[in-house]
Amino acid sequence: MSTRAGIGMLMPDWTIKAIYLHRDGSPFECAAGGILAQYYNTTERVGMLLELGDLSTLGAKIFPDAKTPHSWENPQPDVTVAYHRDRGEDYNSPVVFSDLHEYETKGSEVFGAEFLYLFVDDQWIVCDLYEEPHEWEELENVLQG
C-alpha cells in the first residue's frame, strides 16, 4: 500500500506547480516529510525536483551518480526514482493549479493524494487531506510532533 502525495511550489504568479509522489508521502522523518525538509529546502532544489515530473519514490538525491547503474528495478541508494527518467514512461510535466484553494481541493482527485506539500517562502507546509477541515501546517512543526 502506498501513501500518495502532491509536492508543489508556489510560483511568482501565485500559481502552484506540483507533481505526484507515489510512495512514502507521509509527513514523517523517515518519509517524504523528513526528506523534503532536510534535502529540498531551496527554490533551486525544489525546482529541479519538480522538473523530473511524477515520482515513484523521493530520495535525498535528485540525480544518480553517472558512473553507477540506476534504474527503476535497481535504484541507487537515496536517489529519487522518477517514472519518466528511471522507468521510461511518458513524461508527466508538473500540474499547474491556479491557487492554493484549487491545489487543496483538487490535489486529492488529481494525484490521489493523502498529503499535499507546498514550498512557499523558503519553507514547507503540509496539508493532511484526511483531516477535516483541511489545515496547512508548517512541516517542521509536524515533524517535531
Protein backbone atom coordinates (compact mmCIF):
# COMPACT_ATOMS: atom_id res chain seq x y z
CA MET A 1 0.00 0.00 0.00
CA SER A 2 1.30 3.44 -0.89
CA THR A 3 0.90 6.80 0.74
CA ARG A 4 0.48 9.16 -2.20
CA ALA A 5 1.26 12.85 -2.05
CA GLY A 6 1.47 16.01 -4.09
CA ILE A 7 4.67 18.04 -3.94
CA GLY A 8 4.28 21.63 -5.04
CA MET A 9 5.87 25.05 -5.09
CA LEU A 10 4.25 28.45 -5.06
CA MET A 11 5.29 30.30 -8.22
CA PRO A 12 5.82 34.07 -8.57
CA ASP A 13 2.43 34.44 -10.31
CA TRP A 14 0.74 32.74 -7.30
CA THR A 15 0.01 29.55 -9.21
CA ILE A 16 1.21 26.25 -7.78
CA LYS A 17 3.33 23.83 -9.78
CA ALA A 18 3.06 20.29 -8.39
CA ILE A 19 4.00 16.68 -9.08
CA TYR A 20 2.77 13.29 -7.90
CA LEU A 21 4.67 11.13 -5.40
CA HIS A 22 3.56 7.51 -5.22
CA ARG A 23 5.33 6.04 -2.20
CA ASP A 24 6.03 7.15 1.38
CA GLY A 25 4.31 10.52 1.15
CA SER A 26 3.70 10.79 4.91
CA PRO A 27 4.98 13.75 6.91
CA PHE A 28 7.36 11.64 8.99
CA GLU A 29 11.10 11.96 9.45
CA CYS A 30 11.77 8.71 7.53
CA ALA A 31 9.34 9.52 4.70
CA ALA A 32 8.65 12.40 2.30
CA GLY A 33 8.20 14.99 5.03
CA GLY A 34 11.63 14.46 6.53
CA ILE A 35 13.34 14.20 3.14
CA LEU A 36 11.75 17.40 1.83
CA ALA A 37 12.61 19.33 5.00
CA GLN A 38 16.22 18.19 5.06
CA TYR A 39 17.23 17.99 1.39
CA TYR A 40 14.83 20.18 -0.59
CA ASN A 41 14.94 23.49 1.21
CA THR A 42 15.84 25.91 -1.60
CA THR A 43 13.82 27.12 -4.56
CA GLU A 44 16.51 25.78 -6.89
CA ARG A 45 16.42 22.25 -5.43
CA VAL A 46 12.61 22.13 -5.37
CA GLY A 47 12.51 23.38 -8.96
CA MET A 48 14.89 20.63 -10.10
CA LEU A 49 12.79 18.04 -8.30
CA LEU A 50 9.58 19.25 -9.95
CA GLU A 51 11.17 19.10 -13.39
CA LEU A 52 11.57 15.32 -13.01
CA GLY A 53 7.79 15.00 -13.27
CA ASP A 54 5.91 12.30 -11.37
CA LEU A 55 7.90 10.29 -8.84
CA SER A 56 7.77 6.75 -7.60
CA THR A 57 9.95 7.45 -4.56
CA LEU A 58 11.62 10.50 -3.11
CA GLY A 59 15.26 10.32 -2.11
CA ALA A 60 17.81 12.72 -0.71
CA LYS A 61 19.47 12.98 -4.12
CA ILE A 62 17.83 14.17 -7.34
CA PHE A 63 20.37 12.74 -9.76
CA PRO A 64 22.09 9.36 -9.72
CA ASP A 65 25.83 9.01 -9.95
CA ALA A 66 26.54 8.71 -13.69
CA LYS A 67 29.23 6.09 -13.04
CA THR A 68 26.85 3.70 -11.29
CA PRO A 69 23.80 1.97 -12.83
CA HIS A 70 20.46 3.42 -11.71
CA SER A 71 17.06 2.22 -12.87
CA TRP A 72 13.54 1.50 -11.71
CA GLU A 73 14.48 -2.08 -10.89
CA ASN A 74 17.88 -1.23 -9.42
CA PRO A 75 17.86 2.29 -7.96
CA GLN A 76 20.92 3.80 -6.34
CA PRO A 77 20.57 4.32 -2.58
CA ASP A 78 18.94 7.61 -1.56
CA VAL A 79 18.25 8.65 -5.17
CA THR A 80 14.81 9.85 -6.23
CA VAL A 81 13.09 7.48 -8.68
CA ALA A 82 11.16 9.24 -11.43
CA TYR A 83 8.72 7.46 -13.74
CA HIS A 84 10.00 9.15 -16.89
CA ARG A 85 13.73 9.11 -16.27
CA ASP A 86 14.02 5.76 -14.50
CA ARG A 87 11.17 3.67 -15.88
CA GLY A 88 10.97 5.05 -19.40
CA GLU A 89 7.33 6.13 -19.10
CA ASP A 90 5.90 9.18 -20.82
CA TYR A 91 6.88 12.46 -19.20
CA ASN A 92 4.15 13.90 -16.98
CA SER A 93 5.01 17.54 -16.55
CA PRO A 94 4.09 19.27 -13.31
CA VAL A 95 0.42 20.15 -12.91
CA VAL A 96 -0.28 23.87 -12.55
CA PHE A 97 -3.02 24.80 -10.09
CA SER A 98 -4.47 28.30 -10.23
CA ASP A 99 -4.06 28.92 -6.50
CA LEU A 100 -3.82 27.32 -3.07
CA HIS A 101 -7.55 26.65 -2.89
CA GLU A 102 -7.52 24.70 -6.15
CA TYR A 103 -4.43 22.72 -5.08
CA GLU A 104 -6.09 21.84 -1.79
CA THR A 105 -9.48 20.93 -3.24
CA LYS A 106 -8.29 19.11 -6.38
CA GLY A 107 -4.98 17.63 -5.19
CA SER A 108 -6.67 14.50 -3.92
CA GLU A 109 -8.50 13.99 -7.19
CA VAL A 110 -5.56 14.78 -9.47
CA PHE A 111 -2.91 12.87 -7.55
CA GLY A 112 -4.95 10.50 -5.39
CA ALA A 113 -3.03 12.26 -2.62
CA GLU A 114 -3.36 11.78 1.08
CA PHE A 115 -0.95 14.62 1.82
CA LEU A 116 -0.08 17.80 -0.03
CA TYR A 117 3.22 19.61 0.40
CA LEU A 118 3.87 23.18 -0.65
CA PHE A 119 7.17 25.05 -0.72
CA VAL A 120 6.45 28.71 -0.03
CA ASP A 121 8.64 31.48 1.41
CA ASP A 122 11.60 29.09 1.70
CA GLN A 123 9.75 26.63 3.91
CA TRP A 124 7.48 23.63 3.56
CA ILE A 125 3.88 23.48 4.65
CA VAL A 126 1.76 20.33 4.59
CA CYS A 127 -1.93 19.51 4.50
CA ASP A 128 -3.37 16.17 5.64
CA LEU A 129 -6.31 15.60 3.32
CA TYR A 130 -7.89 13.12 5.75
CA GLU A 131 -8.30 15.79 8.41
CA GLU A 132 -11.41 17.96 8.31
CA PRO A 133 -11.29 20.83 7.99
CA HIS A 134 -8.13 20.82 5.87
CA GLU A 135 -5.48 22.93 7.51
CA TRP A 136 -1.99 23.80 6.34
CA GLU A 137 0.76 23.44 8.94
CA GLU A 138 4.45 24.18 8.90
CA LEU A 139 6.17 20.90 8.11
CA GLU A 140 8.84 21.49 10.77
CA ASN A 141 6.14 21.65 13.44
CA VAL A 142 4.52 18.44 12.18
CA LEU A 143 7.88 16.63 12.14
CA GLN A 144 8.60 17.70 15.70
CA GLY A 145 5.28 16.16 16.70
